[in-house]
Amino acid sequence: MNYIEEHGKKVAAVLCVASCFPVVAAVYAMETEPGWHGDRYINTDATVAIGWQEIEGKSYYFDESGEVDEETTQQATVATVSQDVSQTVQENVSTVTKEVVTEEVKAVDAKKEAEEKAAQEALAQESVTVVEDTTADVSQPTYTEDTTVETPAVDTTTPVVEETPSAPVQEAPSQPVTPPTQDTTTTPPTVEETPSTPVEETPSQPVTPPAQDTTTPGAGDTTGAYADLNARIAAAAQTLVGVTDGQQCTQVVQQALALAGVSDAMQLWPDQYIMYGYYTDTPQAGNLVYYNNGGRGVDHIAIYIGNGLCVHGNFWTSDGSSKTIISSVYNGGGGAPQFIQVTR
C-alpha cells in the first residue's frame, strides 16, 4: 500500500497508456486496411500506392504523397482509348487491302491470259507461205512469225498459197526462166530486198508479212539489259519474307540487293537508293519502289515483285509487331510509288 501511495502518479500513467493501446490499434488497423481512403489507396501489403497502379481494371497514377493525380490518369485513359481505336482501324484497313489485292491479282491474271491467247491467234494467222512463181519448180520459203532468221529451204513440190499477203507481189516473167542460184543471205523479216547477186532478169521477191509484236501491252521490256538482275532481286526479296521481321525497310532492301549480287549494297536513307539506278515509268519485277510520304524520316522503300505486289520491310501489323510481308504496291504509307530500275 505504501508503494502505491508513493508511486501513484506513475501507476496512473501506466494504466492510462495501457488503456490507449486498443484505440491506437483500432485506428492503425483502419488506416492500413486495403482499399480506398479518400484519394489514397492502400495495397494488400499495407503500403500506400505510389506511381501507376491498376485497380479494379482501371489504371490510376498516384503522386509521391500517395494521392491520385487525376490529370495524368485522365490522359492515360484517353491514350489507351486512342490506341484501341487505332488498332481497330488498322485491322479494318488490313482486311480491305487484302480484298483489293486479291481482286487486282485476279484482274491482272485474266488480262494476261486474254492477251496471250490473242497473241497466239495472231501468230497463227501470220504463218503464210508466199509463192514466187507458179510455173517454177522451186518454192519460196514460208515465213512465220519468229525473231530467228532462217535460210529458206528448197522444196520440189508445187507450193500452195494459204493466204494472200497484204502487200502486192511482183509478177513473174511470162516465159519460163531458170531459177537463180539460191541466195543464202539472211533477209530481215520486215525488209523487201533484191538478191545481192545480180541476174539478167529480176525475179519477184516474196512479200514478207509484217512482224508480229509479241510484247505484252503494259508489261514492259522483260528481255532488256537488266532482266536477269531484276529477276535475282525479286527472288531474293521474297526469301526475306518472315525472316527479317523486326528489321527496318532499308535493311531488307540492302539484304535483297546483296543477295542479288550488288556488291556495293549498303543501308541508306530510302531517298538515297536512287544512286543504284534511275526512275522509270515501266515497272518491272525487281525494281525498287520509293514512297516519299512527306520526306526523310517518314519515307519508305520496298521491292516490287510484279502483279501489283511488293515486299515491305518494317510493316506494322494489327497485332502491333514489325514484320516483312508481301502487300500491295499502294500500301507504302500513302505516298505515290516511284519505281527505280537498279543498274548494278
Protein backbone atom coordinates (compact mmCIF):
# COMPACT_ATOMS: atom_id res chain seq x y z
CA MET A 1 0.00 0.00 0.00
CA ASN A 2 2.80 2.31 0.78
CA TYR A 3 4.28 1.55 -2.71
CA ILE A 4 1.06 2.57 -4.46
CA GLU A 5 0.84 5.74 -2.43
CA GLU A 6 4.43 6.59 -3.18
CA HIS A 7 4.20 5.81 -6.91
CA GLY A 8 0.55 6.67 -7.55
CA LYS A 9 1.26 9.02 -10.43
CA LYS A 10 3.44 6.51 -12.25
CA VAL A 11 0.86 3.78 -11.81
CA ALA A 12 -1.86 6.09 -13.13
CA ALA A 13 0.27 6.98 -16.19
CA VAL A 14 0.94 3.34 -16.96
CA LEU A 15 -2.75 2.49 -16.70
CA CYS A 16 -3.63 5.43 -18.99
CA VAL A 17 -1.12 4.38 -21.61
CA ALA A 18 -2.29 0.78 -21.48
CA SER A 19 -5.88 1.85 -21.99
CA CYS A 20 -4.87 3.78 -25.16
CA PHE A 21 -3.42 0.72 -26.89
CA PRO A 22 -6.77 -0.70 -28.15
CA VAL A 23 -7.76 2.70 -29.52
CA VAL A 24 -4.42 3.19 -31.31
CA ALA A 25 -4.53 -0.37 -32.66
CA ALA A 26 -8.06 0.18 -34.00
CA VAL A 27 -7.06 3.46 -35.70
CA TYR A 28 -3.95 1.87 -37.21
CA ALA A 29 -5.96 -1.10 -38.47
CA MET A 30 -8.43 1.26 -40.16
CA GLU A 31 -5.65 3.33 -41.73
CA THR A 32 -3.82 0.26 -43.12
CA GLU A 33 -6.90 -1.68 -44.32
CA PRO A 34 -6.55 -2.40 -48.09
CA GLY A 35 -8.80 -0.20 -50.25
CA TRP A 36 -9.58 3.44 -50.90
CA HIS A 37 -9.06 6.03 -48.14
CA GLY A 38 -10.22 9.23 -49.79
CA ASP A 39 -7.75 9.96 -52.66
CA ARG A 40 -5.27 7.42 -51.29
CA TYR A 41 -5.22 3.67 -51.87
CA ILE A 42 -3.75 1.08 -49.53
CA ASN A 43 -2.35 -2.07 -51.15
CA THR A 44 -2.88 -5.56 -49.72
CA ASP A 45 0.61 -5.37 -48.18
CA ALA A 46 -0.46 -2.26 -46.20
CA THR A 47 1.70 0.05 -48.31
CA VAL A 48 0.44 3.32 -49.81
CA ALA A 49 0.00 3.14 -53.62
CA ILE A 50 2.54 5.31 -55.49
CA GLY A 51 3.02 5.68 -59.27
CA TRP A 52 0.93 3.70 -61.75
CA GLN A 53 -1.46 1.18 -60.23
CA GLU A 54 -4.16 -0.94 -61.88
CA ILE A 55 -7.19 -1.11 -59.59
CA GLU A 56 -10.41 -2.93 -60.50
CA GLY A 57 -9.48 -3.00 -64.20
CA LYS A 58 -8.59 0.73 -64.38
CA SER A 59 -5.20 2.49 -64.30
CA TYR A 60 -4.52 5.28 -61.78
CA TYR A 61 -1.44 7.45 -61.19
CA PHE A 62 -0.53 8.34 -57.57
CA ASP A 63 1.97 11.09 -56.75
CA GLU A 64 4.72 10.75 -54.14
CA SER A 65 2.32 11.73 -51.35
CA GLY A 66 0.05 8.82 -52.32
CA GLU A 67 -2.82 10.93 -53.70
CA VAL A 68 -4.40 10.35 -57.13
CA ASP A 69 -3.11 12.61 -59.93
CA GLU A 70 -6.39 12.99 -61.82
CA GLU A 71 -4.93 14.85 -64.84
CA THR A 72 -2.25 12.24 -65.56
CA THR A 73 -4.75 9.43 -65.03
CA GLN A 74 -7.22 11.00 -67.46
CA GLN A 75 -4.51 11.48 -70.16
CA ALA A 76 -3.51 7.82 -69.84
CA THR A 77 -7.15 6.74 -70.22
CA VAL A 78 -7.53 8.84 -73.40
CA ALA A 79 -4.28 7.40 -74.81
CA THR A 80 -5.49 3.85 -74.12
CA VAL A 81 -8.80 4.52 -75.88
CA SER A 82 -6.94 6.09 -78.84
CA GLN A 83 -4.69 3.04 -79.09
CA ASP A 84 -7.71 0.71 -79.15
CA VAL A 85 -9.35 2.81 -81.88
CA SER A 86 -6.10 2.88 -83.90
CA GLN A 87 -5.75 -0.90 -83.66
CA THR A 88 -9.35 -1.36 -84.85
CA VAL A 89 -8.73 0.97 -87.81
CA GLN A 90 -5.54 -0.89 -88.73
CA GLU A 91 -7.39 -4.22 -88.69
CA ASN A 92 -10.14 -2.82 -90.94
CA VAL A 93 -7.61 -1.30 -93.37
CA SER A 94 -5.66 -4.58 -93.49
CA THR A 95 -8.83 -6.53 -94.34
CA VAL A 96 -9.85 -4.10 -97.10
CA THR A 97 -6.30 -4.08 -98.52
CA LYS A 98 -6.22 -7.89 -98.76
CA GLU A 99 -9.54 -7.88 -100.63
CA VAL A 100 -8.34 -5.17 -103.06
CA VAL A 101 -5.07 -7.02 -103.72
CA THR A 102 -6.93 -10.27 -104.36
CA GLU A 103 -9.26 -8.63 -106.89
CA GLU A 104 -6.34 -6.83 -108.55
CA VAL A 105 -4.34 -10.06 -108.93
CA LYS A 106 -7.36 -11.83 -110.44
CA ALA A 107 -7.88 -8.97 -112.94
CA VAL A 108 -4.20 -8.97 -113.93
CA ASP A 109 -4.20 -12.76 -114.44
CA ALA A 110 -7.36 -12.61 -116.57
CA LYS A 111 -5.97 -9.79 -118.70
CA LYS A 112 -2.66 -11.59 -119.18
CA GLU A 113 -4.42 -14.81 -120.23
CA ALA A 114 -6.58 -12.94 -122.77
CA GLU A 115 -3.55 -11.16 -124.25
CA GLU A 116 -1.57 -14.40 -124.58
CA LYS A 117 -4.49 -16.08 -126.34
CA ALA A 118 -4.87 -13.14 -128.75
CA ALA A 119 -1.12 -13.15 -129.47
CA GLN A 120 -1.18 -16.90 -130.27
CA GLU A 121 -4.15 -16.47 -132.64
CA ALA A 122 -2.46 -13.58 -134.42
CA LEU A 123 0.77 -15.57 -134.69
CA ALA A 124 -1.06 -18.49 -136.32
CA GLN A 125 -2.68 -16.18 -138.88
CA GLU A 126 0.67 -14.66 -139.82
CA SER A 127 2.18 -18.04 -140.80
CA VAL A 128 1.87 -17.65 -144.56
CA THR A 129 3.62 -19.40 -147.47
CA VAL A 130 4.40 -16.93 -150.27
CA VAL A 131 4.78 -18.29 -153.83
CA GLU A 132 7.26 -16.52 -156.13
CA ASP A 133 6.38 -18.30 -159.42
CA THR A 134 3.62 -20.86 -160.08
CA THR A 135 5.46 -22.16 -163.19
CA ALA A 136 8.73 -22.75 -161.42
CA ASP A 137 9.63 -25.97 -159.67
CA VAL A 138 11.34 -24.13 -156.79
CA SER A 139 9.11 -22.89 -153.96
CA GLN A 140 9.91 -19.81 -151.96
CA PRO A 141 10.39 -20.03 -148.20
CA THR A 142 7.44 -19.91 -145.85
CA TYR A 143 7.78 -17.06 -143.37
CA THR A 144 6.37 -17.48 -139.90
CA GLU A 145 6.42 -15.06 -137.04
CA ASP A 146 9.75 -15.67 -135.36
CA THR A 147 12.64 -13.49 -134.26
CA THR A 148 15.15 -16.08 -135.62
CA VAL A 149 16.10 -15.62 -139.29
CA GLU A 150 16.42 -18.94 -141.11
CA THR A 151 17.85 -19.79 -144.54
CA PRO A 152 14.96 -20.58 -146.94
CA ALA A 153 14.70 -24.27 -147.79
CA VAL A 154 14.33 -25.60 -151.35
CA ASP A 155 11.38 -27.88 -151.99
CA THR A 156 10.42 -29.80 -155.19
CA THR A 157 6.69 -29.77 -154.51
CA THR A 158 4.33 -27.31 -156.11
CA PRO A 159 3.56 -24.62 -153.47
CA VAL A 160 0.03 -23.74 -152.45
CA VAL A 161 -0.98 -20.27 -151.43
CA GLU A 162 -2.56 -20.32 -147.99
CA GLU A 163 -3.19 -16.62 -147.68
CA THR A 164 -2.83 -13.62 -149.92
CA PRO A 165 -0.20 -11.24 -148.47
CA SER A 166 -1.22 -7.70 -147.68
CA ALA A 167 1.44 -6.12 -149.97
CA PRO A 168 1.42 -6.64 -153.78
CA VAL A 169 3.58 -9.46 -155.20
CA GLN A 170 5.61 -8.74 -158.32
CA GLU A 171 4.55 -10.83 -161.29
CA ALA A 172 6.92 -13.43 -162.76
CA PRO A 173 8.12 -13.19 -166.41
CA SER A 174 5.76 -14.77 -168.95
CA GLN A 175 8.33 -17.25 -170.26
CA PRO A 176 9.85 -19.96 -168.04
CA VAL A 177 13.14 -18.95 -166.55
CA THR A 178 15.82 -20.90 -164.84
CA PRO A 179 15.67 -20.15 -161.11
CA PRO A 180 18.70 -18.13 -160.00
CA THR A 181 21.18 -19.52 -157.53
CA GLN A 182 19.52 -19.56 -154.11
CA ASP A 183 20.60 -16.54 -152.15
CA THR A 184 21.68 -17.59 -148.67
CA THR A 185 21.91 -14.03 -147.41
CA THR A 186 19.55 -13.66 -144.46
CA THR A 187 16.87 -11.10 -145.09
CA PRO A 188 15.25 -9.24 -142.15
CA PRO A 189 11.58 -10.23 -141.91
CA THR A 190 10.26 -6.70 -142.46
CA VAL A 191 12.51 -5.59 -145.39
CA GLU A 192 11.94 -6.38 -149.08
CA GLU A 193 15.30 -6.66 -150.83
CA THR A 194 16.71 -7.62 -154.24
CA PRO A 195 19.15 -10.56 -154.04
CA SER A 196 22.72 -9.39 -153.62
CA THR A 197 23.90 -11.43 -156.68
CA PRO A 198 22.91 -9.61 -159.93
CA VAL A 199 20.97 -11.67 -162.51
CA GLU A 200 19.86 -10.91 -166.02
CA GLU A 201 16.20 -10.88 -165.06
CA THR A 202 14.92 -9.58 -161.77
CA PRO A 203 12.91 -12.32 -160.11
CA SER A 204 9.98 -11.43 -157.97
CA GLN A 205 10.75 -11.26 -154.28
CA PRO A 206 8.50 -12.78 -151.63
CA VAL A 207 6.42 -10.32 -149.69
CA THR A 208 7.33 -10.56 -146.05
CA PRO A 209 4.39 -10.41 -143.63
CA PRO A 210 4.63 -7.57 -141.08
CA ALA A 211 6.39 -8.55 -137.86
CA GLN A 212 4.05 -9.54 -135.07
CA ASP A 213 4.54 -7.60 -131.85
CA THR A 214 4.86 -10.23 -129.10
CA THR A 215 5.33 -7.73 -126.29
CA THR A 216 2.50 -7.96 -123.79
CA PRO A 217 0.92 -4.48 -123.51
CA GLY A 218 1.80 -2.77 -120.24
CA ALA A 219 4.25 -5.46 -119.20
CA GLY A 220 7.38 -3.52 -120.23
CA ASP A 221 10.53 -4.95 -121.75
CA THR A 222 11.35 -8.13 -119.85
CA THR A 223 14.26 -9.03 -122.14
CA GLY A 224 16.25 -5.81 -121.53
CA ALA A 225 19.76 -5.45 -120.27
CA TYR A 226 18.62 -5.67 -116.63
CA ALA A 227 16.09 -8.52 -116.89
CA ASP A 228 18.40 -11.04 -115.17
CA LEU A 229 19.34 -8.59 -112.40
CA ASN A 230 15.66 -7.72 -111.84
CA ALA A 231 14.75 -11.41 -111.57
CA ARG A 232 17.50 -12.00 -108.98
CA ILE A 233 16.41 -9.02 -106.87
CA ALA A 234 12.73 -10.07 -106.91
CA ALA A 235 13.60 -13.67 -105.97
CA ALA A 236 15.97 -12.57 -103.18
CA ALA A 237 13.37 -10.20 -101.71
CA GLN A 238 10.79 -12.97 -101.43
CA THR A 239 13.21 -15.18 -99.48
CA LEU A 240 13.36 -12.48 -96.77
CA VAL A 241 9.60 -12.57 -96.04
CA GLY A 242 9.13 -13.73 -92.44
CA VAL A 243 12.92 -13.98 -91.99
CA THR A 244 13.73 -10.30 -91.40
CA ASP A 245 10.80 -9.48 -89.10
CA GLY A 246 11.61 -6.50 -86.87
CA GLN A 247 14.16 -5.00 -89.29
CA GLN A 248 13.92 -1.60 -90.99
CA CYS A 249 12.72 -1.38 -94.60
CA THR A 250 16.20 -0.17 -95.66
CA GLN A 251 17.83 -3.23 -94.06
CA VAL A 252 15.53 -5.54 -96.05
CA VAL A 253 16.32 -3.72 -99.33
CA GLN A 254 20.08 -3.80 -98.61
CA GLN A 255 19.98 -7.58 -98.00
CA ALA A 256 17.91 -8.20 -101.16
CA LEU A 257 20.42 -6.26 -103.28
CA ALA A 258 23.37 -8.06 -101.68
CA LEU A 259 21.79 -11.49 -102.26
CA ALA A 260 21.15 -10.49 -105.90
CA GLY A 261 24.85 -9.77 -106.45
CA VAL A 262 25.01 -5.97 -105.99
CA SER A 263 28.47 -5.80 -104.47
CA ASP A 264 28.22 -2.29 -103.00
CA ALA A 265 24.77 -2.73 -101.42
CA MET A 266 24.52 -0.53 -98.33
CA GLN A 267 21.86 0.53 -95.84
CA LEU A 268 20.91 4.10 -96.82
CA TRP A 269 18.05 6.52 -96.31
CA PRO A 270 15.14 5.47 -98.58
CA ASP A 271 15.55 8.52 -100.85
CA GLN A 272 19.25 7.70 -101.41
CA TYR A 273 18.64 4.36 -103.19
CA ILE A 274 18.25 6.24 -106.49
CA MET A 275 22.09 6.12 -106.58
CA TYR A 276 21.78 2.47 -107.72
CA GLY A 277 19.87 3.32 -110.93
CA TYR A 278 17.20 5.65 -112.31
CA TYR A 279 13.46 6.30 -112.04
CA THR A 280 11.32 4.50 -114.63
CA ASP A 281 7.69 4.66 -115.83
CA THR A 282 7.68 0.99 -116.92
CA PRO A 283 7.69 -1.04 -113.67
CA GLN A 284 9.46 -4.40 -113.69
CA ALA A 285 9.55 -7.10 -111.04
CA GLY A 286 12.86 -6.43 -109.26
CA ASN A 287 12.56 -2.62 -109.31
CA LEU A 288 12.87 -0.73 -106.03
CA VAL A 289 9.81 1.32 -105.04
CA TYR A 290 10.27 4.64 -103.18
CA TYR A 291 7.49 6.38 -101.22
CA ASN A 292 8.17 10.00 -100.19
CA ASN A 293 5.34 10.14 -97.57
CA GLY A 294 6.40 13.64 -96.53
CA GLY A 295 10.21 13.44 -96.64
CA ARG A 296 13.13 11.80 -94.90
CA GLY A 297 12.25 10.18 -91.59
CA VAL A 298 8.77 9.11 -92.71
CA ASP A 299 9.60 7.90 -96.23
CA HIS A 300 9.71 4.21 -97.21
CA ILE A 301 11.47 1.84 -99.66
CA ALA A 302 10.29 -1.60 -100.89
CA ILE A 303 10.96 -4.18 -103.66
CA TYR A 304 8.43 -4.69 -106.47
CA ILE A 305 7.83 -8.40 -107.33
CA GLY A 306 5.19 -7.97 -110.04
CA ASN A 307 1.39 -8.31 -110.25
CA GLY A 308 0.88 -5.16 -108.18
CA LEU A 309 2.71 -6.58 -105.12
CA CYS A 310 5.78 -5.54 -103.12
CA VAL A 311 7.95 -6.94 -100.34
CA HIS A 312 7.65 -4.40 -97.49
CA GLY A 313 10.03 -4.38 -94.53
CA ASN A 314 9.15 -2.94 -91.09
CA PHE A 315 5.41 -3.28 -91.84
CA TRP A 316 3.38 -2.78 -88.65
CA THR A 317 0.64 -5.41 -88.44
CA SER A 318 -2.61 -5.34 -86.49
CA ASP A 319 -1.01 -7.12 -83.52
CA GLY A 320 1.47 -4.25 -83.11
CA SER A 321 4.55 -6.08 -84.42
CA SER A 322 7.03 -5.14 -87.19
CA LYS A 323 7.22 -7.77 -89.95
CA THR A 324 8.50 -8.29 -93.50
CA ILE A 325 5.45 -9.10 -95.66
CA ILE A 326 4.13 -9.18 -99.23
CA SER A 327 1.48 -6.50 -99.72
CA SER A 328 0.06 -4.13 -102.35
CA VAL A 329 2.39 -1.69 -104.12
CA TYR A 330 -0.04 1.02 -102.96
CA ASN A 331 0.36 0.08 -99.30
CA GLY A 332 3.58 2.02 -98.70
CA GLY A 333 2.31 4.69 -96.34
CA GLY A 334 0.20 6.96 -98.55
CA GLY A 335 2.86 8.32 -100.92
CA ALA A 336 2.72 7.56 -104.65
CA PRO A 337 5.07 4.67 -105.63
CA GLN A 338 8.14 5.72 -107.64
CA PHE A 339 9.89 2.83 -109.41
CA ILE A 340 13.71 2.65 -109.54
CA GLN A 341 15.50 0.47 -112.12
CA VAL A 342 18.69 -0.88 -110.50
CA THR A 343 21.61 -0.87 -112.93
CA ARG A 344 24.39 -2.54 -110.93
